[in-house]
C-alpha atoms as a PDB file:
ATOM      1  CA  MET A   1     -17.055  17.192 -15.356  1.00  0.00           C
ATOM      2  CA  LEU A   2     -19.169  14.037 -15.164  1.00  0.00           C
ATOM      3  CA  ASN A   3     -16.657  12.227 -17.367  1.00  0.00           C
ATOM      4  CA  GLN A   4     -13.815  13.146 -14.960  1.00  0.00           C
ATOM      5  CA  LEU A   5     -15.845  11.987 -11.953  1.00  0.00           C
ATOM      6  CA  VAL A   6     -16.748   8.674 -13.548  1.00  0.00           C
ATOM      7  CA  TRP A   7     -13.232   7.876 -14.762  1.00  0.00           C
ATOM      8  CA  GLY A   8     -11.620   9.132 -11.552  1.00  0.00           C
ATOM      9  CA  SER A   9     -13.936   6.945  -9.497  1.00  0.00           C
ATOM     10  CA  ALA A  10     -13.238   3.958 -11.765  1.00  0.00           C
ATOM     11  CA  ILE A  11      -9.453   4.278 -11.441  1.00  0.00           C
ATOM     12  CA  LEU A  12      -9.776   4.836  -7.686  1.00  0.00           C
ATOM     13  CA  ALA A  13     -11.881   1.663  -7.410  1.00  0.00           C
ATOM     14  CA  ALA A  14      -9.348  -0.281  -9.485  1.00  0.00           C
ATOM     15  CA  CYS A  15      -6.570   0.949  -7.202  1.00  0.00           C
ATOM     16  CA  ALA A  16      -8.549  -0.113  -4.135  1.00  0.00           C
ATOM     17  CA  VAL A  17      -8.912  -3.612  -5.582  1.00  0.00           C
ATOM     18  CA  ILE A  18      -5.210  -3.711  -6.438  1.00  0.00           C
ATOM     19  CA  HIS A  19      -4.228  -2.590  -2.951  1.00  0.00           C
ATOM     20  CA  VAL A  20      -6.480  -5.042  -1.143  1.00  0.00           C
ATOM     21  CA  THR A  21      -5.277  -7.838  -3.437  1.00  0.00           C
ATOM     22  CA  PHE A  22      -1.646  -7.118  -2.565  1.00  0.00           C
ATOM     23  CA  ILE A  23      -2.473  -7.135   1.146  1.00  0.00           C
ATOM     24  CA  VAL A  24      -4.418 -10.391   0.788  1.00  0.00           C
ATOM     25  CA  TRP A  25      -1.367 -11.882  -0.959  1.00  0.00           C
ATOM     26  CA  ALA A  26       0.944 -10.511   1.737  1.00  0.00           C
ATOM     27  CA  VAL A  27      -0.884 -12.225   4.606  1.00  0.00           C
ATOM     28  CA  PRO A  28      -0.230 -15.881   3.646  1.00  0.00           C
ATOM     29  CA  VAL A  29       3.315 -15.014   2.582  1.00  0.00           C
ATOM     30  CA  THR A  30       3.923 -13.355   5.952  1.00  0.00           C
ATOM     31  CA  ILE A  31       2.459 -16.379   7.765  1.00  0.00           C
ATOM     32  CA  HIS A  32       4.655 -18.696   5.694  1.00  0.00           C
ATOM     33  CA  ILE A  33       7.754 -16.614   6.418  1.00  0.00           C
ATOM     34  CA  SER A  34       6.803 -16.531  10.094  1.00  0.00           C
ATOM     35  CA  HIS A  35       6.819 -20.322  10.263  1.00  0.00           C
ATOM     36  CA  ARG A  36      10.080 -20.605   8.303  1.00  0.00           C
ATOM     37  CA  VAL A  37      11.995 -18.121  10.483  1.00  0.00           C
ATOM     38  CA  GLN A  38      10.640 -19.299  13.835  1.00  0.00           C
ATOM     39  CA  ARG A  39      14.086 -20.319  15.105  1.00  0.00           C
ATOM     40  CA  LEU A  40      15.887 -17.127  14.104  1.00  0.00           C
ATOM     41  CA  ARG A  41      16.712 -14.369  16.553  1.00  0.00           C
ATOM     42  CA  PRO A  42      13.646 -12.261  17.398  1.00  0.00           C
ATOM     43  CA  MET A  43      14.941  -9.038  15.861  1.00  0.00           C
ATOM     44  CA  LEU A  44      15.869 -10.821  12.636  1.00  0.00           C
ATOM     45  CA  ARG A  45      12.395 -12.397  12.507  1.00  0.00           C
ATOM     46  CA  LEU A  46      10.853  -8.975  13.043  1.00  0.00           C
ATOM     47  CA  SER A  47      12.976  -7.481  10.271  1.00  0.00           C
ATOM     48  CA  LEU A  48      12.083 -10.219   7.812  1.00  0.00           C
ATOM     49  CA  LEU A  49       8.349 -10.157   8.557  1.00  0.00           C
ATOM     50  CA  VAL A  50       7.897  -6.400   8.564  1.00  0.00           C
ATOM     51  CA  GLY A  51      10.370  -5.883   5.715  1.00  0.00           C
ATOM     52  CA  GLY A  52       8.643  -8.453   3.530  1.00  0.00           C
ATOM     53  CA  SER A  53       5.238  -6.926   4.194  1.00  0.00           C
ATOM     54  CA  PHE A  54       6.643  -3.471   3.546  1.00  0.00           C
ATOM     55  CA  LEU A  55       7.921  -4.620   0.154  1.00  0.00           C
ATOM     56  CA  PHE A  56       4.434  -5.886  -0.782  1.00  0.00           C
ATOM     57  CA  LEU A  57       2.994  -2.488   0.129  1.00  0.00           C
ATOM     58  CA  VAL A  58       5.633  -0.564  -1.807  1.00  0.00           C
ATOM     59  CA  LEU A  59       4.930  -2.714  -4.850  1.00  0.00           C
ATOM     60  CA  ALA A  60       1.176  -2.125  -4.482  1.00  0.00           C
ATOM     61  CA  HIS A  61       1.657   1.645  -4.318  1.00  0.00           C
ATOM     62  CA  THR A  62       4.049   1.573  -7.269  1.00  0.00           C
ATOM     63  CA  VAL A  63       1.550  -0.321  -9.435  1.00  0.00           C
ATOM     64  CA  GLN A  64      -1.114   2.251  -8.565  1.00  0.00           C
ATOM     65  CA  VAL A  65       1.103   5.212  -9.420  1.00  0.00           C
ATOM     66  CA  TRP A  66       1.828   3.611 -12.801  1.00  0.00           C
ATOM     67  CA  LEU A  67      -1.890   2.999 -13.357  1.00  0.00           C
ATOM     68  CA  TRP A  68      -2.610   6.689 -12.761  1.00  0.00           C
ATOM     69  CA  ALA A  69       0.264   7.647 -15.056  1.00  0.00           C
ATOM     70  CA  PHE A  70      -1.042   5.436 -17.875  1.00  0.00           C
ATOM     71  CA  ALA A  71      -4.553   6.830 -17.415  1.00  0.00           C
ATOM     72  CA  LEU A  72      -3.335  10.447 -17.485  1.00  0.00           C
ATOM     73  CA  ARG A  73      -1.225   9.746 -20.548  1.00  0.00           C
ATOM     74  CA  HIS A  74      -4.033   7.871 -22.316  1.00  0.00           C
ATOM     75  CA  MET A  75      -6.495  10.723 -21.659  1.00  0.00           C
ATOM     76  CA  GLY A  76      -4.025  13.210 -23.119  1.00  0.00           C
ATOM     77  CA  ALA A  77      -3.730  15.124 -19.853  1.00  0.00           C
ATOM     78  CA  ILE A  78       0.080  14.875 -19.881  1.00  0.00           C
ATOM     79  CA  GLU A  79       2.308  14.600 -22.937  1.00  0.00           C
ATOM     80  CA  THR A  80       5.192  12.364 -21.860  1.00  0.00           C
ATOM     81  CA  MET A  81       5.204   9.186 -19.819  1.00  0.00           C
ATOM     82  CA  THR A  82       8.012  10.560 -17.644  1.00  0.00           C
ATOM     83  CA  ASP A  83       5.915  13.591 -16.745  1.00  0.00           C
ATOM     84  CA  ALA A  84       2.860  11.384 -16.201  1.00  0.00           C
ATOM     85  CA  VAL A  85       4.709   9.122 -13.750  1.00  0.00           C
ATOM     86  CA  TYR A  86       6.212  12.127 -11.974  1.00  0.00           C
ATOM     87  CA  PHE A  87       2.854  13.919 -11.734  1.00  0.00           C
ATOM     88  CA  SER A  88       1.116  10.732 -10.566  1.00  0.00           C
ATOM     89  CA  LEU A  89       3.699  10.104  -7.872  1.00  0.00           C
ATOM     90  CA  VAL A  90       3.670  13.683  -6.626  1.00  0.00           C
ATOM     91  CA  THR A  91      -0.125  13.768  -6.633  1.00  0.00           C
ATOM     92  CA  TYR A  92      -0.612  10.244  -5.196  1.00  0.00           C
ATOM     93  CA  THR A  93       1.618  11.118  -2.262  1.00  0.00           C
ATOM     94  CA  THR A  94      -0.198  14.487  -1.931  1.00  0.00           C
ATOM     95  CA  LEU A  95       3.049  16.443  -2.200  1.00  0.00           C
ATOM     96  CA  GLY A  96       1.683  18.444  -5.114  1.00  0.00           C
ATOM     97  CA  TYR A  97       4.725  20.494  -6.082  1.00  0.00           C
ATOM     98  CA  GLY A  98       2.743  22.406  -8.700  1.00  0.00           C
ATOM     99  CA  ASP A  99       5.426  22.367 -11.380  1.00  0.00           C
ATOM    100  CA  ILE A 100       3.098  20.337 -13.620  1.00  0.00           C
ATOM    101  CA  VAL A 101      -0.522  21.488 -13.652  1.00  0.00           C
ATOM    102  CA  LEU A 102      -3.396  19.813 -15.453  1.00  0.00           C
ATOM    103  CA  ASP A 103      -5.722  21.790 -17.683  1.00  0.00           C
ATOM    104  CA  PRO A 104      -9.251  22.392 -16.349  1.00  0.00           C
ATOM    105  CA  GLY A 105     -10.585  19.458 -18.378  1.00  0.00           C
ATOM    106  CA  HIS A 106      -8.482  17.002 -16.334  1.00  0.00           C
ATOM    107  CA  ARG A 107      -8.095  18.601 -12.881  1.00  0.00           C
ATOM    108  CA  ILE A 108     -10.910  16.751 -11.178  1.00  0.00           C
ATOM    109  CA  PHE A 109      -9.693  13.464 -12.623  1.00  0.00           C
ATOM    110  CA  GLY A 110      -6.139  14.193 -11.446  1.00  0.00           C
ATOM    111  CA  ALA A 111      -7.349  15.002  -7.944  1.00  0.00           C
ATOM    112  CA  PHE A 112      -8.680  11.467  -7.621  1.00  0.00           C
ATOM    113  CA  ALA A 113      -5.053  10.275  -7.588  1.00  0.00           C
ATOM    114  CA  SER A 114      -4.503  12.118  -4.310  1.00  0.00           C
ATOM    115  CA  VAL A 115      -7.684  10.645  -2.828  1.00  0.00           C
ATOM    116  CA  THR A 116      -6.423   7.208  -3.864  1.00  0.00           C
ATOM    117  CA  GLY A 117      -3.077   7.818  -2.179  1.00  0.00           C
ATOM    118  CA  LEU A 118      -4.698   9.047   1.030  1.00  0.00           C
ATOM    119  CA  LEU A 119      -6.956   6.006   1.259  1.00  0.00           C
ATOM    120  CA  THR A 120      -4.375   3.388   0.376  1.00  0.00           C
ATOM    121  CA  PHE A 121      -1.681   4.864   2.616  1.00  0.00           C
ATOM    122  CA  GLY A 122      -4.215   4.678   5.440  1.00  0.00           C
ATOM    123  CA  VAL A 123      -4.904   1.009   4.720  1.00  0.00           C
ATOM    124  CA  SER A 124      -1.157   0.324   4.475  1.00  0.00           C
ATOM    125  CA  THR A 125      -0.554   2.000   7.816  1.00  0.00           C
ATOM    126  CA  ALA A 126      -3.330  -0.010   9.468  1.00  0.00           C
ATOM    127  CA  PHE A 127      -1.903  -3.232   8.029  1.00  0.00           C
ATOM    128  CA  LEU A 128       1.617  -2.486   9.255  1.00  0.00           C
ATOM    129  CA  VAL A 129       0.393  -1.427  12.715  1.00  0.00           C
ATOM    130  CA  SER A 130      -1.585  -4.658  13.006  1.00  0.00           C
ATOM    131  CA  LEU A 131       1.421  -6.706  11.945  1.00  0.00           C
ATOM    132  CA  MET A 132       3.745  -4.865  14.309  1.00  0.00           C
ATOM    133  CA  SER A 133       1.380  -5.366  17.233  1.00  0.00           C
ATOM    134  CA  ARG A 134       1.634  -9.099  16.652  1.00  0.00           C
ATOM    135  CA  VAL A 135       5.374  -9.421  16.107  1.00  0.00           C
ATOM    136  CA  LEU A 136       6.879  -6.700  18.325  1.00  0.00           C
ATOM    137  CA  PRO A 137       6.155  -8.383  21.665  1.00  0.00           C
ATOM    138  CA  ASP A 138       8.111 -11.435  20.508  1.00  0.00           C
ATOM    139  CA  ALA A 139      11.053  -9.309  19.394  1.00  0.00           C
ATOM    140  CA  PHE A 140      11.382  -7.820  22.868  1.00  0.00           C
ATOM    141  CA  GLY A 141      10.885 -11.020  24.833  1.00  0.00           C
ATOM    142  CA  GLU A 142       7.252 -10.411  25.753  1.00  0.00           C
ATOM    143  CA  GLU A 143       4.564 -12.953  25.153  1.00  0.00           C
ATOM    144  CA  ALA A 144       3.877 -12.930  21.436  1.00  0.00           C
ATOM    145  CA  ARG A 145       0.478 -13.254  19.847  1.00  0.00           C
ATOM    146  CA  PRO A 146       0.279 -15.566  16.862  1.00  0.00           C
ATOM    147  CA  ILE A 147       0.359 -14.005  13.424  1.00  0.00           C
ATOM    148  CA  HIS A 148      -2.376 -16.268  12.140  1.00  0.00           C
ATOM    149  CA  PRO A 149      -5.701 -15.323  13.803  1.00  0.00           C
ATOM    150  CA  ARG A 150      -6.743 -18.978  14.236  1.00  0.00           C
ATOM    151  CA  ALA A 151      -3.457 -20.026  15.829  1.00  0.00           C
ATOM    152  CA  LYS A 152      -3.413 -20.310  19.581  1.00  0.00           C
ATOM    153  CA  ALA A 153      -1.336 -17.895  21.645  1.00  0.00           C
ATOM    154  CA  PRO A 154       1.428 -19.416  23.795  1.00  0.00           C
ATOM    155  CA  ASP A 155       0.155 -20.607  27.168  1.00  0.00           C
ATOM    156  CA  ALA A 156       1.121 -18.141  29.921  1.00  0.00           C
ATOM    157  CA  GLY A 157       1.312 -20.995  32.405  1.00  0.00           C
ATOM    158  CA  LEU A 158      -1.591 -19.774  34.534  1.00  0.00           C
END
């Protein structure tokens, strides 16, 4: 059991680092895109900014699912890579269909994949909500807040 807890915690920590790294990479890219598309129609800007950030998040989650699949395969918990990816994806998203079940020697380790998914989906949601709160007002003609936290907001003319 201790072995499962240690390795599960290690993979979870690695996934947390991966996820935060992808978000850190997404921020300057989003700021860069924001400056490049400044003159486009507001809804197109919104689509490009949110869509680009969404792609970063999807890639981050995909890398983590593959990491769990490789770990499960390497530990001998699942025989084929196809089954390992499938199990990782179903577990990471907490769907848990139950058609593939780990033996008792790997169940605790496998459960860490669902904890990882819960945590990283929460961080992804917070990131997207924060981004949307900055770009949505502009898309609907309201006063927009700058995407970069050090940039000054447009003067309201008060």
